[in-house]
Amino acid sequence: MDTSFFARLNFGVMCSCMRVAVLVTGGKDSALALYHVLKEGHEVRCLASMIPLHEDSWMFHYPNMWLVDLFADAAGFPLVKAETDAVGEREVEDLKRLISTLDVDGVVSGAVASDYQKTRIEGICKQLGIKCLTPLWHKNPTEILNEVLRLKLEVIITAVSAYGFDRTWLGRKIDEKTVNDLAKLNRLYGVSIVGEGGEYETLVLNAPFLKKRIHVIDAEKIWKGQGGYLKITKAELQNK
């Protein structure tokens, strides 16, 4: 981790620092959650991921989850992960089993507005006697995307599943024009600007707080009906 990045920011934040595990998918929300707990001075002991074995998972990100290994390497933290072939509440039990193996004081998630996700993670943490941290919870969606731009995160859209999207969105970078187009889809069709309802998924390729960047070598667009995803078949880490 590039600790000099945080030193340059000179936050001067006072907090009761904890040892935490950060739930990550490699997408923008979990990356921003990681950024915020580092900014607040918490000790990130590891990153944690659940790998769903089928695409109809209720809780977990599905497309390109193999890239979470590259994201963890780029961030410079150990990754703890487990597979789940369940759906619904059984997925929650699988997540609980994973978290119960971690020697941490708290778990961090990138939940923004999903009560389903937040309440279940909170329930797990309560049962295990640890804290649940959600630094993005109920943050203004436009502010979240503006933070992506301000921090100069390199983010691409890897899946879309809502009216108003088409295949041209797959692989598209989140820049100022993309943010404006997402706001337009929100006005026209009610699409969540941050994709909290699963309308779109993302992959973070680079960020100032990552030690390396992810370079996509091969990918193809898979489209089915009203949605699709960018199937990334080859990627590598590059020095910055």
C-alpha atoms as a PDB file:
ATOM      1  CA  MET A   1       0.000   0.000   0.000  1.00  0.00           C
ATOM      2  CA  ASP A   2       1.240   3.459  -0.921  1.00  0.00           C
ATOM      3  CA  THR A   3       1.128   4.972   2.567  1.00  0.00           C
ATOM      4  CA  SER A   4       2.739   8.158   1.231  1.00  0.00           C
ATOM      5  CA  PHE A   5      -0.524   8.848  -0.597  1.00  0.00           C
ATOM      6  CA  PHE A   6      -2.346   9.162   2.714  1.00  0.00           C
ATOM      7  CA  ALA A   7       0.498  11.083   4.305  1.00  0.00           C
ATOM      8  CA  ARG A   8       0.267  13.681   1.538  1.00  0.00           C
ATOM      9  CA  LEU A   9      -3.430  14.133   2.185  1.00  0.00           C
ATOM     10  CA  ASN A  10      -2.715  15.124   5.810  1.00  0.00           C
ATOM     11  CA  PHE A  11      -6.175  14.232   7.055  1.00  0.00           C
ATOM     12  CA  GLY A  12      -5.492  14.596  10.765  1.00  0.00           C
ATOM     13  CA  VAL A  13      -8.430  12.296  11.525  1.00  0.00           C
ATOM     14  CA  MET A  14      -9.033  11.178  15.113  1.00  0.00           C
ATOM     15  CA  CYS A  15     -10.595   7.731  15.435  1.00  0.00           C
ATOM     16  CA  SER A  16     -10.749   4.629  17.560  1.00  0.00           C
ATOM     17  CA  CYS A  17      -8.776   2.543  15.107  1.00  0.00           C
ATOM     18  CA  MET A  18      -9.695  -1.080  14.612  1.00  0.00           C
ATOM     19  CA  ARG A  19      -8.311  -4.130  12.901  1.00  0.00           C
ATOM     20  CA  VAL A  20     -10.649  -4.674   9.980  1.00  0.00           C
ATOM     21  CA  ALA A  21     -11.361  -6.929   7.037  1.00  0.00           C
ATOM     22  CA  VAL A  22     -12.717  -5.203   3.937  1.00  0.00           C
ATOM     23  CA  LEU A  23     -15.270  -7.050   1.800  1.00  0.00           C
ATOM     24  CA  VAL A  24     -14.192  -6.475  -1.790  1.00  0.00           C
ATOM     25  CA  THR A  25     -15.289  -7.365  -5.291  1.00  0.00           C
ATOM     26  CA  GLY A  26     -12.782  -5.249  -7.195  1.00  0.00           C
ATOM     27  CA  GLY A  27     -15.564  -2.772  -7.977  1.00  0.00           C
ATOM     28  CA  LYS A  28     -15.757   0.941  -7.226  1.00  0.00           C
ATOM     29  CA  ASP A  29     -17.837   0.793  -4.027  1.00  0.00           C
ATOM     30  CA  SER A  30     -15.646  -1.698  -2.205  1.00  0.00           C
ATOM     31  CA  ALA A  31     -12.536   0.151  -3.425  1.00  0.00           C
ATOM     32  CA  LEU A  32     -13.908   3.429  -2.050  1.00  0.00           C
ATOM     33  CA  ALA A  33     -14.796   1.723   1.240  1.00  0.00           C
ATOM     34  CA  LEU A  34     -11.191   0.498   1.456  1.00  0.00           C
ATOM     35  CA  TYR A  35      -9.960   4.031   0.749  1.00  0.00           C
ATOM     36  CA  HIS A  36     -12.099   5.505   3.520  1.00  0.00           C
ATOM     37  CA  VAL A  37     -11.054   3.079   6.268  1.00  0.00           C
ATOM     38  CA  LEU A  38      -7.399   3.600   5.333  1.00  0.00           C
ATOM     39  CA  LYS A  39      -7.977   7.339   5.437  1.00  0.00           C
ATOM     40  CA  GLU A  40      -9.504   6.990   8.907  1.00  0.00           C
ATOM     41  CA  GLY A  41      -6.449   5.111  10.150  1.00  0.00           C
ATOM     42  CA  HIS A  42      -7.888   1.634  10.601  1.00  0.00           C
ATOM     43  CA  GLU A  43      -5.557  -1.348  10.261  1.00  0.00           C
ATOM     44  CA  VAL A  44      -6.618  -3.408   7.254  1.00  0.00           C
ATOM     45  CA  ARG A  45      -5.691  -6.967   8.153  1.00  0.00           C
ATOM     46  CA  CYS A  46      -7.040  -8.504   4.951  1.00  0.00           C
ATOM     47  CA  LEU A  47      -9.486  -8.253   2.101  1.00  0.00           C
ATOM     48  CA  ALA A  48     -12.307 -10.801   1.974  1.00  0.00           C
ATOM     49  CA  SER A  49     -14.446 -12.030  -0.909  1.00  0.00           C
ATOM     50  CA  MET A  50     -17.232 -14.499  -1.490  1.00  0.00           C
ATOM     51  CA  ILE A  51     -17.117 -16.172  -4.904  1.00  0.00           C
ATOM     52  CA  PRO A  52     -20.597 -17.191  -6.121  1.00  0.00           C
ATOM     53  CA  LEU A  53     -20.657 -20.231  -8.352  1.00  0.00           C
ATOM     54  CA  HIS A  54     -23.678 -19.036 -10.327  1.00  0.00           C
ATOM     55  CA  GLU A  55     -24.879 -15.676 -11.596  1.00  0.00           C
ATOM     56  CA  ASP A  56     -28.188 -15.520  -9.676  1.00  0.00           C
ATOM     57  CA  SER A  57     -26.530 -14.742  -6.358  1.00  0.00           C
ATOM     58  CA  TRP A  58     -28.627 -12.404  -4.191  1.00  0.00           C
ATOM     59  CA  MET A  59     -25.708 -11.027  -2.190  1.00  0.00           C
ATOM     60  CA  PHE A  60     -22.516 -11.205  -4.174  1.00  0.00           C
ATOM     61  CA  HIS A  61     -20.908  -9.834  -7.313  1.00  0.00           C
ATOM     62  CA  TYR A  62     -20.583 -12.497 -10.035  1.00  0.00           C
ATOM     63  CA  PRO A  63     -18.875 -11.329 -13.291  1.00  0.00           C
ATOM     64  CA  ASN A  64     -15.074 -11.614 -13.409  1.00  0.00           C
ATOM     65  CA  MET A  65     -14.653 -12.416  -9.717  1.00  0.00           C
ATOM     66  CA  TRP A  66     -11.350 -14.134 -10.482  1.00  0.00           C
ATOM     67  CA  LEU A  67      -9.924 -10.622 -10.867  1.00  0.00           C
ATOM     68  CA  VAL A  68     -10.345  -9.971  -7.140  1.00  0.00           C
ATOM     69  CA  ASP A  69      -7.009 -11.763  -6.690  1.00  0.00           C
ATOM     70  CA  LEU A  70      -5.335  -9.166  -8.905  1.00  0.00           C
ATOM     71  CA  PHE A  71      -7.088  -6.352  -7.056  1.00  0.00           C
ATOM     72  CA  ALA A  72      -5.828  -7.643  -3.698  1.00  0.00           C
ATOM     73  CA  ASP A  73      -2.293  -7.944  -5.059  1.00  0.00           C
ATOM     74  CA  ALA A  74      -2.527  -4.432  -6.466  1.00  0.00           C
ATOM     75  CA  ALA A  75      -3.681  -3.130  -3.071  1.00  0.00           C
ATOM     76  CA  GLY A  76      -0.949  -5.014  -1.236  1.00  0.00           C
ATOM     77  CA  PHE A  77      -3.196  -6.900   1.209  1.00  0.00           C
ATOM     78  CA  PRO A  78      -3.755 -10.616   1.766  1.00  0.00           C
ATOM     79  CA  LEU A  79      -7.012 -11.974   0.362  1.00  0.00           C
ATOM     80  CA  VAL A  80      -9.267 -14.438   2.153  1.00  0.00           C
ATOM     81  CA  LYS A  81     -12.036 -15.911   0.029  1.00  0.00           C
ATOM     82  CA  ALA A  82     -14.600 -18.698  -0.069  1.00  0.00           C
ATOM     83  CA  GLU A  83     -17.018 -20.058  -2.634  1.00  0.00           C
ATOM     84  CA  THR A  84     -20.779 -20.244  -2.267  1.00  0.00           C
ATOM     85  CA  ASP A  85     -23.220 -22.205  -4.411  1.00  0.00           C
ATOM     86  CA  ALA A  86     -26.208 -21.170  -2.320  1.00  0.00           C
ATOM     87  CA  VAL A  87     -28.806 -18.422  -2.758  1.00  0.00           C
ATOM     88  CA  GLY A  88     -30.755 -16.258  -0.360  1.00  0.00           C
ATOM     89  CA  GLU A  89     -30.139 -16.692   3.350  1.00  0.00           C
ATOM     90  CA  ARG A  90     -27.830 -19.667   2.805  1.00  0.00           C
ATOM     91  CA  GLU A  91     -25.367 -17.277   1.152  1.00  0.00           C
ATOM     92  CA  VAL A  92     -25.392 -15.262   4.365  1.00  0.00           C
ATOM     93  CA  GLU A  93     -24.418 -18.356   6.348  1.00  0.00           C
ATOM     94  CA  ASP A  94     -21.517 -18.956   3.965  1.00  0.00           C
ATOM     95  CA  LEU A  95     -20.339 -15.389   4.503  1.00  0.00           C
ATOM     96  CA  LYS A  96     -20.653 -15.802   8.271  1.00  0.00           C
ATOM     97  CA  ARG A  97     -18.428 -18.882   8.156  1.00  0.00           C
ATOM     98  CA  LEU A  98     -15.773 -16.913   6.276  1.00  0.00           C
ATOM     99  CA  ILE A  99     -15.888 -13.906   8.593  1.00  0.00           C
ATOM    100  CA  SER A 100     -15.784 -16.118  11.685  1.00  0.00           C
ATOM    101  CA  THR A 101     -12.288 -17.278  10.669  1.00  0.00           C
ATOM    102  CA  LEU A 102     -10.875 -13.717  10.656  1.00  0.00           C
ATOM    103  CA  ASP A 103      -9.025 -12.189  13.589  1.00  0.00           C
ATOM    104  CA  VAL A 104     -10.512  -8.692  13.282  1.00  0.00           C
ATOM    105  CA  ASP A 105     -12.503  -6.146  15.270  1.00  0.00           C
ATOM    106  CA  GLY A 106     -14.725  -5.145  12.380  1.00  0.00           C
ATOM    107  CA  VAL A 107     -15.853  -5.807   8.824  1.00  0.00           C
ATOM    108  CA  VAL A 108     -16.124  -3.099   6.160  1.00  0.00           C
ATOM    109  CA  SER A 109     -18.561  -3.169   3.254  1.00  0.00           C
ATOM    110  CA  GLY A 110     -19.244  -0.813   0.370  1.00  0.00           C
ATOM    111  CA  ALA A 111     -23.031  -0.838   0.827  1.00  0.00           C
ATOM    112  CA  VAL A 112     -24.625   2.416  -0.316  1.00  0.00           C
ATOM    113  CA  ALA A 113     -28.395   1.949  -0.137  1.00  0.00           C
ATOM    114  CA  SER A 114     -29.132  -1.781  -0.083  1.00  0.00           C
ATOM    115  CA  ASP A 115     -30.888  -2.606   3.190  1.00  0.00           C
ATOM    116  CA  TYR A 116     -30.809  -6.281   2.190  1.00  0.00           C
ATOM    117  CA  GLN A 117     -27.020  -6.305   2.062  1.00  0.00           C
ATOM    118  CA  LYS A 118     -26.372  -4.015   5.012  1.00  0.00           C
ATOM    119  CA  THR A 119     -28.756  -5.653   7.492  1.00  0.00           C
ATOM    120  CA  ARG A 120     -27.400  -9.110   6.780  1.00  0.00           C
ATOM    121  CA  ILE A 121     -23.771  -8.105   7.194  1.00  0.00           C
ATOM    122  CA  GLU A 122     -24.709  -6.215  10.362  1.00  0.00           C
ATOM    123  CA  GLY A 123     -26.492  -9.319  11.629  1.00  0.00           C
ATOM    124  CA  ILE A 124     -23.405 -11.465  11.050  1.00  0.00           C
ATOM    125  CA  CYS A 125     -21.180  -8.947  12.822  1.00  0.00           C
ATOM    126  CA  LYS A 126     -23.560  -8.734  15.794  1.00  0.00           C
ATOM    127  CA  GLN A 127     -23.582 -12.519  16.152  1.00  0.00           C
ATOM    128  CA  LEU A 128     -19.776 -12.604  16.028  1.00  0.00           C
ATOM    129  CA  GLY A 129     -19.346  -9.667  18.407  1.00  0.00           C
ATOM    130  CA  ILE A 130     -17.554  -7.388  15.945  1.00  0.00           C
ATOM    131  CA  LYS A 131     -18.311  -4.017  14.342  1.00  0.00           C
ATOM    132  CA  CYS A 132     -19.802  -3.368  10.922  1.00  0.00           C
ATOM    133  CA  LEU A 133     -18.428  -0.332   9.077  1.00  0.00           C
ATOM    134  CA  THR A 134     -20.229   1.088   6.035  1.00  0.00           C
ATOM    135  CA  PRO A 135     -18.437   4.330   5.085  1.00  0.00           C
ATOM    136  CA  LEU A 136     -20.568   4.900   1.960  1.00  0.00           C
ATOM    137  CA  TRP A 137     -23.939   4.232   3.580  1.00  0.00           C
ATOM    138  CA  HIS A 138     -26.596   6.702   2.375  1.00  0.00           C
ATOM    139  CA  LYS A 139     -23.952   8.911   0.842  1.00  0.00           C
ATOM    140  CA  ASN A 140     -25.293  10.983  -2.035  1.00  0.00           C
ATOM    141  CA  PRO A 141     -24.877   8.853  -5.198  1.00  0.00           C
ATOM    142  CA  THR A 142     -23.640  11.793  -7.251  1.00  0.00           C
ATOM    143  CA  GLU A 143     -21.050  12.535  -4.569  1.00  0.00           C
ATOM    144  CA  ILE A 144     -19.809   8.946  -4.776  1.00  0.00           C
ATOM    145  CA  LEU A 145     -19.225   9.196  -8.516  1.00  0.00           C
ATOM    146  CA  ASN A 146     -17.668  12.629  -8.110  1.00  0.00           C
ATOM    147  CA  GLU A 147     -15.298  11.082  -5.586  1.00  0.00           C
ATOM    148  CA  VAL A 148     -14.355   8.454  -8.172  1.00  0.00           C
ATOM    149  CA  LEU A 149     -13.467  11.299 -10.533  1.00  0.00           C
ATOM    150  CA  ARG A 150     -11.728  13.418  -7.890  1.00  0.00           C
ATOM    151  CA  LEU A 151      -9.523  10.545  -6.729  1.00  0.00           C
ATOM    152  CA  LYS A 152      -8.812   9.678 -10.376  1.00  0.00           C
ATOM    153  CA  LEU A 153      -9.893   6.089 -10.047  1.00  0.00           C
ATOM    154  CA  GLU A 154      -9.704   4.218 -13.347  1.00  0.00           C
ATOM    155  CA  VAL A 155     -12.964   2.293 -13.410  1.00  0.00           C
ATOM    156  CA  ILE A 156     -14.670   0.371 -16.198  1.00  0.00           C
ATOM    157  CA  ILE A 157     -18.224  -0.939 -16.412  1.00  0.00           C
ATOM    158  CA  THR A 158     -18.201  -4.728 -16.615  1.00  0.00           C
ATOM    159  CA  ALA A 159     -21.916  -5.595 -16.559  1.00  0.00           C
ATOM    160  CA  VAL A 160     -25.258  -3.884 -17.198  1.00  0.00           C
ATOM    161  CA  SER A 161     -28.769  -5.070 -16.460  1.00  0.00           C
ATOM    162  CA  ALA A 162     -31.391  -2.344 -16.763  1.00  0.00           C
ATOM    163  CA  TYR A 163     -33.496  -0.597 -19.370  1.00  0.00           C
ATOM    164  CA  GLY A 164     -31.540   2.164 -21.113  1.00  0.00           C
ATOM    165  CA  PHE A 165     -28.202   0.369 -21.255  1.00  0.00           C
ATOM    166  CA  ASP A 166     -26.827  -1.316 -24.359  1.00  0.00           C
ATOM    167  CA  ARG A 167     -23.655  -3.222 -25.224  1.00  0.00           C
ATOM    168  CA  THR A 168     -21.685  -0.002 -25.811  1.00  0.00           C
ATOM    169  CA  TRP A 169     -21.634   0.482 -22.025  1.00  0.00           C
ATOM    170  CA  LEU A 170     -19.569  -2.666 -21.530  1.00  0.00           C
ATOM    171  CA  GLY A 171     -15.933  -1.728 -20.988  1.00  0.00           C
ATOM    172  CA  ARG A 172     -16.771   1.966 -20.814  1.00  0.00           C
ATOM    173  CA  LYS A 173     -14.683   4.033 -18.386  1.00  0.00           C
ATOM    174  CA  ILE A 174     -16.373   6.102 -15.715  1.00  0.00           C
ATOM    175  CA  ASP A 175     -15.471   9.656 -16.645  1.00  0.00           C
ATOM    176  CA  GLU A 176     -17.380  12.941 -16.538  1.00  0.00           C
ATOM    177  CA  LYS A 177     -19.413  12.098 -19.647  1.00  0.00           C
ATOM    178  CA  THR A 178     -20.313   8.672 -18.264  1.00  0.00           C
ATOM    179  CA  VAL A 179     -21.464  10.250 -14.992  1.00  0.00           C
ATOM    180  CA  ASN A 180     -23.662  12.679 -16.950  1.00  0.00           C
ATOM    181  CA  ASP A 181     -25.109   9.828 -19.023  1.00  0.00           C
ATOM    182  CA  LEU A 182     -25.850   7.827 -15.875  1.00  0.00           C
ATOM    183  CA  ALA A 183     -27.669  10.847 -14.442  1.00  0.00           C
ATOM    184  CA  LYS A 184     -29.722  10.989 -17.648  1.00  0.00           C
ATOM    185  CA  LEU A 185     -30.656   7.287 -17.319  1.00  0.00           C
ATOM    186  CA  ASN A 186     -31.641   7.987 -13.742  1.00  0.00           C
ATOM    187  CA  ARG A 187     -34.010  10.759 -14.836  1.00  0.00           C
ATOM    188  CA  LEU A 188     -35.483   8.751 -17.705  1.00  0.00           C
ATOM    189  CA  TYR A 189     -35.703   5.247 -16.244  1.00  0.00           C
ATOM    190  CA  GLY A 190     -34.905   5.469 -12.537  1.00  0.00           C
ATOM    191  CA  VAL A 191     -31.550   3.712 -12.912  1.00  0.00           C
ATOM    192  CA  SER A 192     -29.428   3.993  -9.764  1.00  0.00           C
ATOM    193  CA  ILE A 193     -26.552   6.343 -10.558  1.00  0.00           C
ATOM    194  CA  VAL A 194     -24.167   4.141  -8.565  1.00  0.00           C
ATOM    195  CA  GLY A 195     -25.697   0.828  -9.702  1.00  0.00           C
ATOM    196  CA  GLU A 196     -26.761  -0.090  -6.180  1.00  0.00           C
ATOM    197  CA  GLY A 197     -29.704  -2.108  -7.495  1.00  0.00           C
ATOM    198  CA  GLY A 198     -27.450  -4.221  -9.722  1.00  0.00           C
ATOM    199  CA  GLU A 199     -28.075  -2.045 -12.773  1.00  0.00           C
ATOM    200  CA  TYR A 200     -24.363  -2.111 -13.523  1.00  0.00           C
ATOM    201  CA  GLU A 201     -21.135  -3.561 -12.113  1.00  0.00           C
ATOM    202  CA  THR A 202     -17.614  -2.171 -12.242  1.00  0.00           C
ATOM    203  CA  LEU A 203     -13.944  -3.059 -12.006  1.00  0.00           C
ATOM    204  CA  VAL A 204     -11.290  -0.722 -10.612  1.00  0.00           C
ATOM    205  CA  LEU A 205      -8.155  -0.890 -12.740  1.00  0.00           C
ATOM    206  CA  ASN A 206      -6.139   1.769 -10.957  1.00  0.00           C
ATOM    207  CA  ALA A 207      -6.259   4.190  -8.028  1.00  0.00           C
ATOM    208  CA  PRO A 208      -3.743   6.400  -6.206  1.00  0.00           C
ATOM    209  CA  PHE A 209      -3.925   4.107  -3.164  1.00  0.00           C
ATOM    210  CA  LEU A 210      -3.097   0.965  -5.171  1.00  0.00           C
ATOM    211  CA  LYS A 211       0.509  -0.151  -5.562  1.00  0.00           C
ATOM    212  CA  LYS A 212      -0.048  -1.552  -9.067  1.00  0.00           C
ATOM    213  CA  ARG A 213      -2.654  -1.271 -11.800  1.00  0.00           C
ATOM    214  CA  ILE A 214      -4.686  -3.961 -13.558  1.00  0.00           C
ATOM    215  CA  HIS A 215      -4.229  -4.158 -17.316  1.00  0.00           C
ATOM    216  CA  VAL A 216      -6.934  -5.982 -19.296  1.00  0.00           C
ATOM    217  CA  ILE A 217      -5.414  -7.940 -22.159  1.00  0.00           C
ATOM    218  CA  ASP A 218      -8.352  -9.910 -23.580  1.00  0.00           C
ATOM    219  CA  ALA A 219     -12.089  -9.464 -23.118  1.00  0.00           C
ATOM    220  CA  GLU A 220     -15.306 -10.094 -24.992  1.00  0.00           C
ATOM    221  CA  LYS A 221     -18.804  -8.659 -24.701  1.00  0.00           C
ATOM    222  CA  ILE A 222     -21.517 -11.176 -23.822  1.00  0.00           C
ATOM    223  CA  TRP A 223     -25.061  -9.933 -24.405  1.00  0.00           C
ATOM    224  CA  LYS A 224     -28.275 -11.704 -23.410  1.00  0.00           C
ATOM    225  CA  GLY A 225     -31.659 -10.049 -23.860  1.00  0.00           C
ATOM    226  CA  GLN A 226     -31.715  -6.795 -21.883  1.00  0.00           C
ATOM    227  CA  GLY A 227     -28.281  -7.091 -20.308  1.00  0.00           C
ATOM    228  CA  GLY A 228     -24.763  -8.361 -20.647  1.00  0.00           C
ATOM    229  CA  TYR A 229     -21.286  -8.430 -19.242  1.00  0.00           C
ATOM    230  CA  LEU A 230     -17.686  -7.952 -20.253  1.00  0.00           C
ATOM    231  CA  LYS A 231     -16.023 -11.356 -19.950  1.00  0.00           C
ATOM    232  CA  ILE A 232     -12.393 -10.646 -19.122  1.00  0.00           C
ATOM    233  CA  THR A 233     -10.332 -13.684 -20.044  1.00  0.00           C
ATOM    234  CA  LYS A 234      -6.817 -12.342 -19.543  1.00  0.00           C
ATOM    235  CA  ALA A 235      -5.408  -9.569 -17.366  1.00  0.00           C
ATOM    236  CA  GLU A 236      -2.177  -8.780 -15.590  1.00  0.00           C
ATOM    237  CA  LEU A 237      -0.707  -6.414 -13.019  1.00  0.00           C
ATOM    238  CA  GLN A 238       1.579  -3.627 -14.165  1.00  0.00           C
ATOM    239  CA  ASN A 239       3.936  -1.450 -12.187  1.00  0.00           C
ATOM    240  CA  LYS A 240       2.944   2.207 -11.899  1.00  0.00           C
END
